[in-house]
């Protein structure tokens, strides 16, 4: 007979039902059903409305197992289901590799349902117990979650993972951060700000409110040397004098307008001539385009995926 737990996990994929006569269930079975219904209410939105991935196909390799992954719309909850059809006494440890996670984020296993018939140690404890353990996304995708030896047929596992958003790992190292500093002042006394975003892998991106410009993008190469992969200048004064629009947001028009004139609905419009040897064309919004504006910058409070909003 298929275990109650396996029936429940499979049913969570659809309209959730056991197809059993509950009047014939004993107390232990009814308590199991109650527990699974309560669990389903917590994860239903992710399973029904989130993204669905088949991470193990029952037709591949040993043809004896399958695994499904559900990721909530905001990416902060992950539900993983693993099913094994027949027990294999000499089977090797299986690692279920997840997919489509944030490689740099940390995920905590907040709930697990171990298979009935799971092998136990000498004290009667399950060989695998992961609640409270935290893993990086790339670890879960490259190494996976280990599945212990199962001694019963038609077995099933379930894990619930939560994406951590506090920005620190278990060793107290900042996973990702954003720092705001002064980038200097314009001639009229207004101050430009510089936002520097860093992640745990050493990647660093800097943007300034002057022209909403990308000023630096530092990454490690294959040898671990940090290199800036974009062209940038050192100071606000250099950017004020810049005529190449380095790293800037472009507008209100991008590219050239030949002759610095255009017609809409038979009406001619003349714009600033700021391009070409004879200044005959209009380029990138002119001398007072978006690249010369002092934007307002606001950093997000998400230390897992920091960003800056310019307006």
Protein backbone atom coordinates (compact mmCIF):
# COMPACT_ATOMS: atom_id res chain seq x y z
CA UNK A 1 0.00 0.00 0.00
CA UNK A 2 1.27 3.46 -0.85
CA UNK A 3 2.26 5.32 2.37
CA UNK A 4 0.01 8.16 3.53
CA UNK A 5 2.88 10.61 3.21
CA UNK A 6 3.53 9.72 -0.42
CA UNK A 7 -0.18 10.06 -1.22
CA UNK A 8 -0.24 13.49 0.45
CA UNK A 9 2.81 14.85 -1.37
CA UNK A 10 1.56 13.65 -4.76
CA UNK A 11 -1.89 15.10 -4.04
CA UNK A 12 -0.38 18.50 -3.26
CA UNK A 13 0.32 18.79 -6.97
CA UNK A 14 -3.40 18.86 -7.75
CA UNK A 15 -6.63 19.35 -5.83
CA UNK A 16 -5.26 17.60 -2.73
CA UNK A 17 -7.17 14.47 -1.83
CA UNK A 18 -6.30 10.98 -0.55
CA UNK A 19 -9.11 8.94 -2.16
CA UNK A 20 -9.48 7.05 1.12
CA UNK A 21 -12.34 6.42 3.54
CA UNK A 22 -11.40 8.52 6.55
CA UNK A 23 -13.85 6.59 8.74
CA UNK A 24 -11.56 3.59 8.42
CA UNK A 25 -8.42 5.46 9.43
CA UNK A 26 -6.89 4.89 12.83
CA UNK A 27 -5.85 7.72 15.15
CA UNK A 28 -2.26 7.78 13.89
CA UNK A 29 -3.37 8.06 10.27
CA UNK A 30 -5.83 10.85 11.05
CA UNK A 31 -3.12 12.80 12.88
CA UNK A 32 -0.84 12.36 9.86
CA UNK A 33 -3.54 13.74 7.57
CA UNK A 34 -4.09 16.74 9.85
CA UNK A 35 -0.38 17.48 9.87
CA UNK A 36 -0.11 17.32 6.11
CA UNK A 37 -3.18 19.50 5.58
CA UNK A 38 -1.66 22.13 7.89
CA UNK A 39 1.61 21.95 5.96
CA UNK A 40 -0.16 22.26 2.61
CA UNK A 41 -1.95 25.42 3.73
CA UNK A 42 1.45 27.01 4.41
CA UNK A 43 3.04 26.10 1.08
CA UNK A 44 -0.02 26.03 -1.19
CA UNK A 45 0.62 29.44 -2.78
CA UNK A 46 4.14 28.44 -3.79
CA UNK A 47 3.04 25.07 -5.16
CA UNK A 48 -0.02 26.31 -7.00
CA UNK A 49 1.15 29.73 -8.19
CA UNK A 50 4.94 29.52 -8.17
CA UNK A 51 7.35 28.31 -10.85
CA UNK A 52 7.49 24.54 -11.37
CA UNK A 53 10.58 22.55 -12.38
CA UNK A 54 11.08 18.82 -12.94
CA UNK A 55 14.57 18.30 -11.55
CA UNK A 56 14.59 14.48 -11.78
CA UNK A 57 12.70 12.65 -14.50
CA UNK A 58 11.32 9.15 -13.87
CA UNK A 59 12.38 8.18 -17.39
CA UNK A 60 16.08 9.01 -16.95
CA UNK A 61 18.96 6.95 -15.59
CA UNK A 62 17.65 4.41 -13.07
CA UNK A 63 13.97 5.06 -13.91
CA UNK A 64 13.07 4.63 -10.26
CA UNK A 65 12.71 8.15 -8.91
CA UNK A 66 11.50 11.65 -9.65
CA UNK A 67 11.81 15.07 -8.03
CA UNK A 68 9.93 18.35 -8.40
CA UNK A 69 10.81 21.88 -7.35
CA UNK A 70 8.48 24.83 -6.78
CA UNK A 71 9.77 28.41 -6.37
CA UNK A 72 7.50 31.19 -5.14
CA UNK A 73 6.92 34.24 -7.33
CA UNK A 74 9.25 36.38 -5.21
CA UNK A 75 11.87 33.62 -5.06
CA UNK A 76 11.89 33.52 -1.26
CA UNK A 77 10.33 30.10 -0.73
CA UNK A 78 11.31 26.81 -2.35
CA UNK A 79 9.47 23.49 -1.99
CA UNK A 80 11.19 20.28 -3.11
CA UNK A 81 9.48 16.87 -3.46
CA UNK A 82 11.37 13.62 -4.03
CA UNK A 83 9.75 10.26 -4.78
CA UNK A 84 11.34 6.80 -5.00
CA UNK A 85 9.31 3.93 -6.41
CA UNK A 86 11.15 0.87 -5.12
CA UNK A 87 13.65 0.48 -2.31
CA UNK A 88 17.17 -0.48 -3.37
CA UNK A 89 19.21 -2.06 -0.56
CA UNK A 90 22.54 -1.40 -2.24
CA UNK A 91 21.69 2.01 -3.69
CA UNK A 92 24.20 4.82 -3.43
CA UNK A 93 23.41 8.09 -1.69
CA UNK A 94 21.36 10.29 -4.02
CA UNK A 95 21.81 14.07 -4.17
CA UNK A 96 18.84 16.00 -5.50
CA UNK A 97 20.21 19.05 -7.34
CA UNK A 98 17.96 22.10 -7.32
CA UNK A 99 17.67 24.63 -10.14
CA UNK A 100 16.92 28.32 -10.83
CA UNK A 101 18.07 29.58 -7.43
CA UNK A 102 20.05 32.72 -6.63
CA UNK A 103 23.61 31.38 -6.60
CA UNK A 104 24.87 33.99 -4.12
CA UNK A 105 21.89 33.82 -1.76
CA UNK A 106 21.60 31.56 1.28
CA UNK A 107 18.68 29.22 1.78
CA UNK A 108 17.65 27.76 5.12
CA UNK A 109 15.81 24.44 5.30
CA UNK A 110 12.88 25.31 7.56
CA UNK A 111 10.84 22.12 7.19
CA UNK A 112 11.46 18.56 6.11
CA UNK A 113 9.33 15.46 5.89
CA UNK A 114 11.51 12.38 5.84
CA UNK A 115 10.43 9.20 4.12
CA UNK A 116 8.65 6.53 6.11
CA UNK A 117 10.99 3.57 6.44
CA UNK A 118 14.03 5.86 6.49
CA UNK A 119 17.18 4.21 7.79
CA UNK A 120 18.05 5.26 11.34
CA UNK A 121 21.20 5.28 13.43
CA UNK A 122 21.85 3.27 16.60
CA UNK A 123 19.84 5.74 18.68
CA UNK A 124 16.83 5.52 16.38
CA UNK A 125 17.39 8.98 14.82
CA UNK A 126 17.08 9.56 11.05
CA UNK A 127 20.37 9.51 9.23
CA UNK A 128 19.54 12.80 7.54
CA UNK A 129 18.18 15.79 9.44
CA UNK A 130 18.59 19.19 7.78
CA UNK A 131 16.13 21.58 9.48
CA UNK A 132 18.02 24.73 10.44
CA UNK A 133 20.88 24.06 8.03
CA UNK A 134 21.75 26.86 5.62
CA UNK A 135 23.22 26.43 2.14
CA UNK A 136 24.23 28.78 -0.65
CA UNK A 137 22.18 28.63 -3.82
CA UNK A 138 25.12 27.46 -5.92
CA UNK A 139 25.79 24.68 -3.41
CA UNK A 140 22.20 23.46 -3.70
CA UNK A 141 22.40 23.56 -7.49
CA UNK A 142 25.86 22.00 -7.88
CA UNK A 143 25.91 19.51 -4.97
CA UNK A 144 22.25 19.16 -4.07
CA UNK A 145 20.37 17.85 -1.02
CA UNK A 146 21.38 14.39 0.11
CA UNK A 147 18.73 11.64 0.25
CA UNK A 148 19.40 8.93 2.83
CA UNK A 149 18.95 5.21 2.23
CA UNK A 150 15.25 4.27 2.11
CA UNK A 151 14.03 0.84 3.23
CA UNK A 152 10.48 0.98 1.90
CA UNK A 153 8.79 1.18 -1.49
CA UNK A 154 6.89 4.23 -2.76
CA UNK A 155 8.75 6.61 -0.44
CA UNK A 156 8.67 10.41 -0.52
CA UNK A 157 10.59 13.34 0.90
CA UNK A 158 9.62 17.02 1.20
CA UNK A 159 11.80 20.02 2.01
CA UNK A 160 10.82 23.67 2.44
CA UNK A 161 13.58 26.25 2.05
CA UNK A 162 13.48 29.97 2.82
CA UNK A 163 15.76 32.48 1.14
CA UNK A 164 17.57 34.45 3.83
CA UNK A 165 17.56 38.22 3.38
CA UNK A 166 19.61 39.47 6.34
CA UNK A 167 22.77 39.71 4.25
CA UNK A 168 25.14 37.78 6.54
CA UNK A 169 26.23 34.18 6.50
CA UNK A 170 26.81 31.97 9.53
CA UNK A 171 30.38 33.27 9.90
CA UNK A 172 29.20 36.86 10.13
CA UNK A 173 30.59 37.79 6.71
CA UNK A 174 28.49 40.28 4.78
CA UNK A 175 26.96 38.49 1.84
CA UNK A 176 26.04 41.61 -0.09
CA UNK A 177 26.04 45.27 0.82
CA UNK A 178 25.58 48.75 -0.58
CA UNK A 179 27.53 51.81 0.56
CA UNK A 180 26.70 55.45 -0.14
CA UNK A 181 29.41 58.14 -0.14
CA UNK A 182 30.03 61.63 -1.51
CA UNK A 183 31.34 61.87 -5.07
CA UNK A 184 32.09 65.58 -4.96
CA UNK A 185 30.22 68.81 -5.68
CA UNK A 186 29.15 70.59 -8.83
CA UNK A 187 30.01 74.23 -9.49
CA UNK A 188 26.66 75.33 -8.03
CA UNK A 189 27.37 73.52 -4.75
CA UNK A 190 25.07 70.53 -5.28
CA UNK A 191 26.57 67.23 -4.17
CA UNK A 192 26.78 64.08 -6.27
CA UNK A 193 26.50 60.75 -4.46
CA UNK A 194 28.26 57.47 -5.20
CA UNK A 195 26.63 54.09 -4.48
CA UNK A 196 28.93 51.05 -4.34
CA UNK A 197 27.33 47.58 -4.34
CA UNK A 198 29.32 44.47 -3.40
CA UNK A 199 28.51 40.77 -3.15
CA UNK A 200 30.18 37.86 -1.38
CA UNK A 201 32.11 36.82 -4.49
CA UNK A 202 33.97 40.13 -4.65
CA UNK A 203 32.02 41.67 -7.53
CA UNK A 204 31.64 45.43 -7.08
CA UNK A 205 29.52 47.91 -9.06
CA UNK A 206 29.60 51.69 -8.53
CA UNK A 207 27.05 54.21 -9.81
CA UNK A 208 26.74 57.94 -9.27
CA UNK A 209 23.78 60.29 -9.18
CA UNK A 210 25.49 62.57 -11.69
CA UNK A 211 24.06 61.38 -14.99
CA UNK A 212 22.96 58.11 -13.32
CA UNK A 213 26.33 56.84 -14.51
CA UNK A 214 27.99 53.47 -14.09
CA UNK A 215 31.49 54.42 -12.94
CA UNK A 216 33.05 51.03 -12.17
CA UNK A 217 32.38 47.29 -12.43
CA UNK A 218 35.06 45.22 -10.73
CA UNK A 219 35.14 41.43 -11.05
CA UNK A 220 37.68 38.66 -10.49
CA UNK A 221 39.25 37.08 -13.55
CA UNK A 222 40.15 33.38 -13.89
CA UNK A 223 43.27 33.93 -11.76
CA UNK A 224 41.40 35.76 -9.01
CA UNK A 225 42.72 39.21 -9.93
CA UNK A 226 40.16 42.00 -9.54
CA UNK A 227 39.73 44.02 -12.74
CA UNK A 228 37.50 46.95 -13.70
CA UNK A 229 35.69 45.94 -16.90
CA UNK A 230 34.11 49.29 -17.81
CA UNK A 231 35.59 52.67 -18.72
CA UNK A 232 35.20 55.26 -16.00
CA UNK A 233 36.65 58.48 -14.60
CA UNK A 234 37.98 59.30 -11.14
CA UNK A 235 36.05 62.41 -10.09
CA UNK A 236 32.89 64.42 -10.61
CA UNK A 237 35.00 67.15 -12.24
CA UNK A 238 36.23 64.68 -14.86
CA UNK A 239 32.64 63.65 -15.66
CA UNK A 240 31.50 67.28 -16.00
CA UNK A 241 34.21 67.78 -18.64
CA UNK A 242 33.52 64.43 -20.33
CA UNK A 243 32.17 64.63 -23.90
CA UNK A 244 31.91 60.84 -24.51
CA UNK A 245 28.91 60.11 -22.28
CA UNK A 246 30.84 57.46 -20.32
CA UNK A 247 28.49 55.15 -18.40
CA UNK A 248 25.61 57.61 -18.50
CA UNK A 249 21.87 57.28 -18.95
CA UNK A 250 21.08 58.80 -22.36
CA UNK A 251 18.09 61.01 -23.19
CA UNK A 252 15.75 62.44 -23.95
CA UNK A 253 16.86 61.22 -27.34
CA UNK A 254 19.51 58.53 -27.89
CA UNK A 255 21.80 58.61 -30.95
CA UNK A 256 21.92 61.37 -33.55
CA UNK A 257 19.31 63.56 -35.18
CA UNK A 258 20.69 64.57 -38.56
CA UNK A 259 20.76 68.31 -39.09
CA UNK A 260 19.36 68.74 -35.56
CA UNK A 261 15.85 69.00 -36.92
CA UNK A 262 12.83 66.72 -37.28
CA UNK A 263 9.18 66.96 -38.27
CA UNK A 264 6.08 65.63 -36.50
CA UNK A 265 2.63 66.11 -38.02
CA UNK A 266 4.10 68.54 -40.58
CA UNK A 267 5.55 70.70 -37.82
CA UNK A 268 9.29 71.26 -37.79
CA UNK A 269 11.29 71.09 -34.55
CA UNK A 270 14.83 72.37 -34.19
CA UNK A 271 17.10 71.05 -31.42
CA UNK A 272 20.57 71.87 -30.19
CA UNK A 273 23.45 71.23 -32.58
CA UNK A 274 26.14 69.56 -30.51
CA UNK A 275 27.68 66.85 -32.71
CA UNK A 276 30.05 66.59 -35.65
CA UNK A 277 33.04 68.63 -36.81
CA UNK A 278 30.77 71.53 -37.68
CA UNK A 279 28.21 70.89 -34.93
CA UNK A 280 25.58 70.09 -37.51
CA UNK A 281 23.75 67.29 -35.68
CA UNK A 282 22.02 66.68 -32.37
CA UNK A 283 23.45 63.90 -30.18
CA UNK A 284 22.12 62.17 -27.03
CA UNK A 285 19.81 64.92 -25.81
CA UNK A 286 22.28 67.75 -26.21
CA UNK A 287 24.52 69.46 -23.69
CA UNK A 288 21.76 69.38 -21.06
CA UNK A 289 20.70 65.76 -21.59
CA UNK A 290 20.11 63.16 -18.91
CA UNK A 291 23.88 62.60 -18.68
CA UNK A 292 24.28 66.09 -17.16
CA UNK A 293 21.40 65.89 -14.72
CA UNK A 294 21.84 65.34 -11.00
CA UNK A 295 19.50 62.47 -10.18
CA UNK A 296 18.07 61.44 -6.84
CA UNK A 297 19.36 58.02 -5.83
CA UNK A 298 17.73 55.63 -3.38
CA UNK A 299 19.32 52.37 -2.25
CA UNK A 300 17.14 49.33 -1.63
CA UNK A 301 17.14 47.65 1.80
CA UNK A 302 17.51 44.17 0.30
CA UNK A 303 21.05 43.13 1.25
CA UNK A 304 20.83 39.93 -0.81
CA UNK A 305 20.22 41.73 -4.12
CA UNK A 306 21.12 45.41 -3.57
CA UNK A 307 20.10 47.99 -6.17
CA UNK A 308 19.78 51.73 -6.63
CA UNK A 309 16.70 53.52 -7.95
CA UNK A 310 17.31 56.79 -9.83
CA UNK A 311 14.55 59.31 -10.30
